[in-house]
Amino acid sequence: MAKELRCRDLGMNCSQVIRAETEEELLERVAEHALTVHGIDVVQAGMLEQLQAVIYTVERP
C-alpha cells in the first residue's frame, strides 16, 4: 500500500499531494517539497511527528 500526504493538512495554502511507496520515501519527498517550495527545513523545525500524523495509507487498484 502506498503512502500519501497532503500539504494542506499541515495548514499550508498548498494543494500539493505527495505520494510514495514507503513512509521513508514519502518523508524524503515531503522534506524536499517543504524546503524548495515553502522554505521550511522540516528536520530543524522539529516537524517529523506532525508529518507522520497526517500520512495516509492508500490502496492502489
PDB file of N, CA and C in Angstrom:
ATOM      1  N   MET A   1       0.833  -1.176   0.000  1.00  0.00           N
ATOM      2  CA  MET A   1       0.000   0.000   0.000  1.00  0.00           C
ATOM      3  C   MET A   1       0.880   1.243   0.000  1.00  0.00           C
ATOM      4  N   ALA A   2       0.486   2.208  -0.757  1.00  0.00           N
ATOM      5  CA  ALA A   2       1.246   3.443  -0.892  1.00  0.00           C
ATOM      6  C   ALA A   2       0.928   4.399   0.249  1.00  0.00           C
ATOM      7  N   LYS A   3       1.784   5.394   0.397  1.00  0.00           N
ATOM      8  CA  LYS A   3       1.607   6.432   1.410  1.00  0.00           C
ATOM      9  C   LYS A   3       1.356   7.761   0.705  1.00  0.00           C
ATOM     10  N   GLU A   4       0.625   8.642   1.399  1.00  0.00           N
ATOM     11  CA  GLU A   4       0.248   9.914   0.791  1.00  0.00           C
ATOM     12  C   GLU A   4       0.160  10.988   1.880  1.00  0.00           C
ATOM     13  N   LEU A   5       0.576  12.197   1.532  1.00  0.00           N
ATOM     14  CA  LEU A   5       0.467  13.326   2.439  1.00  0.00           C
ATOM     15  C   LEU A   5      -0.002  14.532   1.643  1.00  0.00           C
ATOM     16  N   ARG A   6      -0.973  15.241   2.191  1.00  0.00           N
ATOM     17  CA  ARG A   6      -1.493  16.456   1.548  1.00  0.00           C
ATOM     18  C   ARG A   6      -0.933  17.652   2.299  1.00  0.00           C
ATOM     19  N   CYS A   7      -0.257  18.507   1.603  1.00  0.00           N
ATOM     20  CA  CYS A   7       0.375  19.665   2.217  1.00  0.00           C
ATOM     21  C   CYS A   7      -0.658  20.513   2.968  1.00  0.00           C
ATOM     22  N   ARG A   8      -1.839  20.611   2.434  1.00  0.00           N
ATOM     23  CA  ARG A   8      -2.913  21.400   3.051  1.00  0.00           C
ATOM     24  C   ARG A   8      -3.245  20.888   4.462  1.00  0.00           C
ATOM     25  N   ASP A   9      -3.057  19.580   4.701  1.00  0.00           N
ATOM     26  CA  ASP A   9      -3.344  19.005   6.015  1.00  0.00           C
ATOM     27  C   ASP A   9      -2.393  19.511   7.094  1.00  0.00           C
ATOM     28  N   LEU A  10      -1.316  20.149   6.672  1.00  0.00           N
ATOM     29  CA  LEU A  10      -0.356  20.724   7.610  1.00  0.00           C
ATOM     30  C   LEU A  10      -0.608  22.217   7.813  1.00  0.00           C
ATOM     31  N   GLY A  11      -1.726  22.695   7.277  1.00  0.00           N
ATOM     32  CA  GLY A  11      -2.086  24.092   7.455  1.00  0.00           C
ATOM     33  C   GLY A  11      -1.511  25.028   6.406  1.00  0.00           C
ATOM     34  N   MET A  12      -0.913  24.474   5.368  1.00  0.00           N
ATOM     35  CA  MET A  12      -0.323  25.292   4.308  1.00  0.00           C
ATOM     36  C   MET A  12      -1.380  25.604   3.253  1.00  0.00           C
ATOM     37  N   ASN A  13      -1.254  26.744   2.619  1.00  0.00           N
ATOM     38  CA  ASN A  13      -2.121  27.101   1.499  1.00  0.00           C
ATOM     39  C   ASN A  13      -1.475  26.527   0.239  1.00  0.00           C
ATOM     40  N   CYS A  14      -1.527  25.205   0.129  1.00  0.00           N
ATOM     41  CA  CYS A  14      -0.821  24.489  -0.930  1.00  0.00           C
ATOM     42  C   CYS A  14      -1.623  23.235  -1.263  1.00  0.00           C
ATOM     43  N   SER A  15      -1.861  23.009  -2.538  1.00  0.00           N
ATOM     44  CA  SER A  15      -2.664  21.857  -2.953  1.00  0.00           C
ATOM     45  C   SER A  15      -1.818  20.629  -3.299  1.00  0.00           C
ATOM     46  N   GLN A  16      -0.521  20.679  -3.026  1.00  0.00           N
ATOM     47  CA  GLN A  16       0.378  19.569  -3.356  1.00  0.00           C
ATOM     48  C   GLN A  16      -0.007  18.297  -2.606  1.00  0.00           C
ATOM     49  N   VAL A  17      -0.084  17.190  -3.330  1.00  0.00           N
ATOM     50  CA  VAL A  17      -0.282  15.872  -2.747  1.00  0.00           C
ATOM     51  C   VAL A  17       0.967  15.074  -3.095  1.00  0.00           C
ATOM     52  N   ILE A  18       1.623  14.548  -2.076  1.00  0.00           N
ATOM     53  CA  ILE A  18       2.880  13.833  -2.278  1.00  0.00           C
ATOM     54  C   ILE A  18       2.626  12.361  -1.991  1.00  0.00           C
ATOM     55  N   ARG A  19       3.107  11.503  -2.892  1.00  0.00           N
ATOM     56  CA  ARG A  19       2.882  10.060  -2.769  1.00  0.00           C
ATOM     57  C   ARG A  19       4.203   9.307  -2.901  1.00  0.00           C
ATOM     58  N   ALA A  20       4.254   8.154  -2.231  1.00  0.00           N
ATOM     59  CA  ALA A  20       5.416   7.278  -2.323  1.00  0.00           C
ATOM     60  C   ALA A  20       5.004   5.888  -1.865  1.00  0.00           C
ATOM     61  N   GLU A  21       5.829   4.919  -2.135  1.00  0.00           N
ATOM     62  CA  GLU A  21       5.541   3.535  -1.753  1.00  0.00           C
ATOM     63  C   GLU A  21       5.798   3.270  -0.277  1.00  0.00           C
ATOM     64  N   THR A  22       6.757   3.981   0.323  1.00  0.00           N
ATOM     65  CA  THR A  22       7.080   3.761   1.728  1.00  0.00           C
ATOM     66  C   THR A  22       7.021   5.086   2.491  1.00  0.00           C
ATOM     67  N   GLU A  23       6.869   4.994   3.803  1.00  0.00           N
ATOM     68  CA  GLU A  23       6.841   6.200   4.628  1.00  0.00           C
ATOM     69  C   GLU A  23       8.183   6.933   4.549  1.00  0.00           C
ATOM     70  N   GLU A  24       9.271   6.193   4.537  1.00  0.00           N
ATOM     71  CA  GLU A  24      10.603   6.805   4.463  1.00  0.00           C
ATOM     72  C   GLU A  24      10.752   7.625   3.177  1.00  0.00           C
ATOM     73  N   GLU A  25      10.378   7.034   2.053  1.00  0.00           N
ATOM     74  CA  GLU A  25      10.456   7.732   0.776  1.00  0.00           C
ATOM     75  C   GLU A  25       9.519   8.943   0.771  1.00  0.00           C
ATOM     76  N   LEU A  26       8.342   8.786   1.335  1.00  0.00           N
ATOM     77  CA  LEU A  26       7.392   9.894   1.401  1.00  0.00           C
ATOM     78  C   LEU A  26       7.966  11.053   2.207  1.00  0.00           C
ATOM     79  N   LEU A  27       8.530  10.763   3.370  1.00  0.00           N
ATOM     80  CA  LEU A  27       9.090  11.815   4.206  1.00  0.00           C
ATOM     81  C   LEU A  27      10.235  12.532   3.506  1.00  0.00           C
ATOM     82  N   GLU A  28      11.028  11.817   2.725  1.00  0.00           N
ATOM     83  CA  GLU A  28      12.096  12.447   1.947  1.00  0.00           C
ATOM     84  C   GLU A  28      11.511  13.414   0.923  1.00  0.00           C
ATOM     85  N   ARG A  29      10.466  12.989   0.222  1.00  0.00           N
ATOM     86  CA  ARG A  29       9.827  13.847  -0.779  1.00  0.00           C
ATOM     87  C   ARG A  29       9.155  15.058  -0.129  1.00  0.00           C
ATOM     88  N   VAL A  30       8.523  14.833   1.014  1.00  0.00           N
ATOM     89  CA  VAL A  30       7.877  15.929   1.736  1.00  0.00           C
ATOM     90  C   VAL A  30       8.924  16.947   2.192  1.00  0.00           C
ATOM     91  N   ALA A  31      10.030  16.463   2.724  1.00  0.00           N
ATOM     92  CA  ALA A  31      11.090  17.364   3.188  1.00  0.00           C
ATOM     93  C   ALA A  31      11.634  18.200   2.032  1.00  0.00           C
ATOM     94  N   GLU A  32      11.816  17.578   0.871  1.00  0.00           N
ATOM     95  CA  GLU A  32      12.307  18.300  -0.300  1.00  0.00           C
ATOM     96  C   GLU A  32      11.293  19.361  -0.740  1.00  0.00           C
ATOM     97  N   HIS A  33      10.014  18.993  -0.778  1.00  0.00           N
ATOM     98  CA  HIS A  33       8.956  19.939  -1.154  1.00  0.00           C
ATOM     99  C   HIS A  33       8.905  21.097  -0.157  1.00  0.00           C
ATOM    100  N   ALA A  34       8.930  20.779   1.125  1.00  0.00           N
ATOM    101  CA  ALA A  34       8.842  21.820   2.154  1.00  0.00           C
ATOM    102  C   ALA A  34       9.974  22.829   2.027  1.00  0.00           C
ATOM    103  N   LEU A  35      11.168  22.343   1.742  1.00  0.00           N
ATOM    104  CA  LEU A  35      12.320  23.226   1.635  1.00  0.00           C
ATOM    105  C   LEU A  35      12.293  24.048   0.352  1.00  0.00           C
ATOM    106  N   THR A  36      12.030  23.385  -0.777  1.00  0.00           N
ATOM    107  CA  THR A  36      12.110  24.100  -2.056  1.00  0.00           C
ATOM    108  C   THR A  36      10.919  25.012  -2.315  1.00  0.00           C
ATOM    109  N   VAL A  37       9.739  24.623  -1.857  1.00  0.00           N
ATOM    110  CA  VAL A  37       8.536  25.414  -2.145  1.00  0.00           C
ATOM    111  C   VAL A  37       8.201  26.379  -1.003  1.00  0.00           C
ATOM    112  N   HIS A  38       8.361  25.912   0.241  1.00  0.00           N
ATOM    113  CA  HIS A  38       7.932  26.707   1.383  1.00  0.00           C
ATOM    114  C   HIS A  38       9.081  27.291   2.203  1.00  0.00           C
ATOM    115  N   GLY A  39      10.320  26.885   1.890  1.00  0.00           N
ATOM    116  CA  GLY A  39      11.477  27.392   2.630  1.00  0.00           C
ATOM    117  C   GLY A  39      11.551  26.881   4.055  1.00  0.00           C
ATOM    118  N   ILE A  40      10.968  25.705   4.297  1.00  0.00           N
ATOM    119  CA  ILE A  40      10.941  25.131   5.648  1.00  0.00           C
ATOM    120  C   ILE A  40      11.820  23.888   5.693  1.00  0.00           C
ATOM    121  N   ASP A  41      12.777  23.880   6.614  1.00  0.00           N
ATOM    122  CA  ASP A  41      13.594  22.691   6.861  1.00  0.00           C
ATOM    123  C   ASP A  41      12.876  21.896   7.941  1.00  0.00           C
ATOM    124  N   VAL A  42      12.129  20.868   7.544  1.00  0.00           N
ATOM    125  CA  VAL A  42      11.265  20.140   8.476  1.00  0.00           C
ATOM    126  C   VAL A  42      12.039  19.477   9.601  1.00  0.00           C
ATOM    127  N   VAL A  43      13.281  19.088   9.347  1.00  0.00           N
ATOM    128  CA  VAL A  43      14.076  18.444  10.380  1.00  0.00           C
ATOM    129  C   VAL A  43      14.421  19.463  11.460  1.00  0.00           C
ATOM    130  N   GLN A  44      14.923  20.619  11.058  1.00  0.00           N
ATOM    131  CA  GLN A  44      15.281  21.649  12.032  1.00  0.00           C
ATOM    132  C   GLN A  44      14.050  22.230  12.715  1.00  0.00           C
ATOM    133  N   ALA A  45      12.921  22.237  12.019  1.00  0.00           N
ATOM    134  CA  ALA A  45      11.698  22.780  12.606  1.00  0.00           C
ATOM    135  C   ALA A  45      11.028  21.784  13.545  1.00  0.00           C
ATOM    136  N   GLY A  46      11.565  20.549  13.634  1.00  0.00           N
ATOM    137  CA  GLY A  46      11.008  19.545  14.530  1.00  0.00           C
ATOM    138  C   GLY A  46       9.621  19.074  14.124  1.00  0.00           C
ATOM    139  N   MET A  47       9.371  18.988  12.831  1.00  0.00           N
ATOM    140  CA  MET A  47       8.035  18.674  12.331  1.00  0.00           C
ATOM    141  C   MET A  47       7.811  17.198  12.027  1.00  0.00           C
ATOM    142  N   LEU A  48       8.757  16.337  12.311  1.00  0.00           N
ATOM    143  CA  LEU A  48       8.638  14.936  11.921  1.00  0.00           C
ATOM    144  C   LEU A  48       7.371  14.280  12.483  1.00  0.00           C
ATOM    145  N   GLU A  49       7.095  14.462  13.758  1.00  0.00           N
ATOM    146  CA  GLU A  49       5.897  13.856  14.347  1.00  0.00           C
ATOM    147  C   GLU A  49       4.629  14.433  13.733  1.00  0.00           C
ATOM    148  N   GLN A  50       4.628  15.727  13.461  1.00  0.00           N
ATOM    149  CA  GLN A  50       3.469  16.360  12.840  1.00  0.00           C
ATOM    150  C   GLN A  50       3.243  15.788  11.442  1.00  0.00           C
ATOM    151  N   LEU A  51       4.311  15.566  10.702  1.00  0.00           N
ATOM    152  CA  LEU A  51       4.192  14.981   9.361  1.00  0.00           C
ATOM    153  C   LEU A  51       3.641  13.566   9.442  1.00  0.00           C
ATOM    154  N   GLN A  52       4.178  12.771  10.343  1.00  0.00           N
ATOM    155  CA  GLN A  52       3.742  11.381  10.467  1.00  0.00           C
ATOM    156  C   GLN A  52       2.269  11.283  10.846  1.00  0.00           C
ATOM    157  N   ALA A  53       1.761  12.282  11.535  1.00  0.00           N
ATOM    158  CA  ALA A  53       0.369  12.260  11.974  1.00  0.00           C
ATOM    159  C   ALA A  53      -0.624  12.450  10.827  1.00  0.00           C
ATOM    160  N   VAL A  54      -0.171  12.992   9.706  1.00  0.00           N
ATOM    161  CA  VAL A  54      -1.097  13.261   8.599  1.00  0.00           C
ATOM    162  C   VAL A  54      -0.814  12.406   7.361  1.00  0.00           C
ATOM    163  N   ILE A  55      -0.045  11.358   7.516  1.00  0.00           N
ATOM    164  CA  ILE A  55       0.231  10.441   6.412  1.00  0.00           C
ATOM    165  C   ILE A  55      -0.949   9.475   6.257  1.00  0.00           C
ATOM    166  N   TYR A  56      -1.394   9.324   5.047  1.00  0.00           N
ATOM    167  CA  TYR A  56      -2.473   8.391   4.722  1.00  0.00           C
ATOM    168  C   TYR A  56      -1.877   7.155   4.053  1.00  0.00           C
ATOM    169  N   THR A  57      -2.477   6.024   4.297  1.00  0.00           N
ATOM    170  CA  THR A  57      -2.159   4.815   3.547  1.00  0.00           C
ATOM    171  C   THR A  57      -3.252   4.641   2.518  1.00  0.00           C
ATOM    172  N   VAL A  58      -2.843   4.497   1.250  1.00  0.00           N
ATOM    173  CA  VAL A  58      -3.823   4.390   0.187  1.00  0.00           C
ATOM    174  C   VAL A  58      -3.631   3.084  -0.578  1.00  0.00           C
ATOM    175  N   GLU A  59      -4.730   2.473  -0.931  1.00  0.00           N
ATOM    176  CA  GLU A  59      -4.680   1.250  -1.743  1.00  0.00           C
ATOM    177  C   GLU A  59      -4.604   1.632  -3.199  1.00  0.00           C
ATOM    178  N   ARG A  60      -3.794   0.923  -3.910  1.00  0.00           N
ATOM    179  CA  ARG A  60      -3.703   1.139  -5.344  1.00  0.00           C
ATOM    180  C   ARG A  60      -4.436   0.015  -6.047  1.00  0.00           C
ATOM    181  N   PRO A  61      -5.227   0.362  -7.062  1.00  0.00           N
ATOM    182  CA  PRO A  61      -6.000  -0.673  -7.774  1.00  0.00           C
ATOM    183  C   PRO A  61      -5.109  -1.667  -8.491  1.00  0.00           C
TER     184      PRO A  61
END
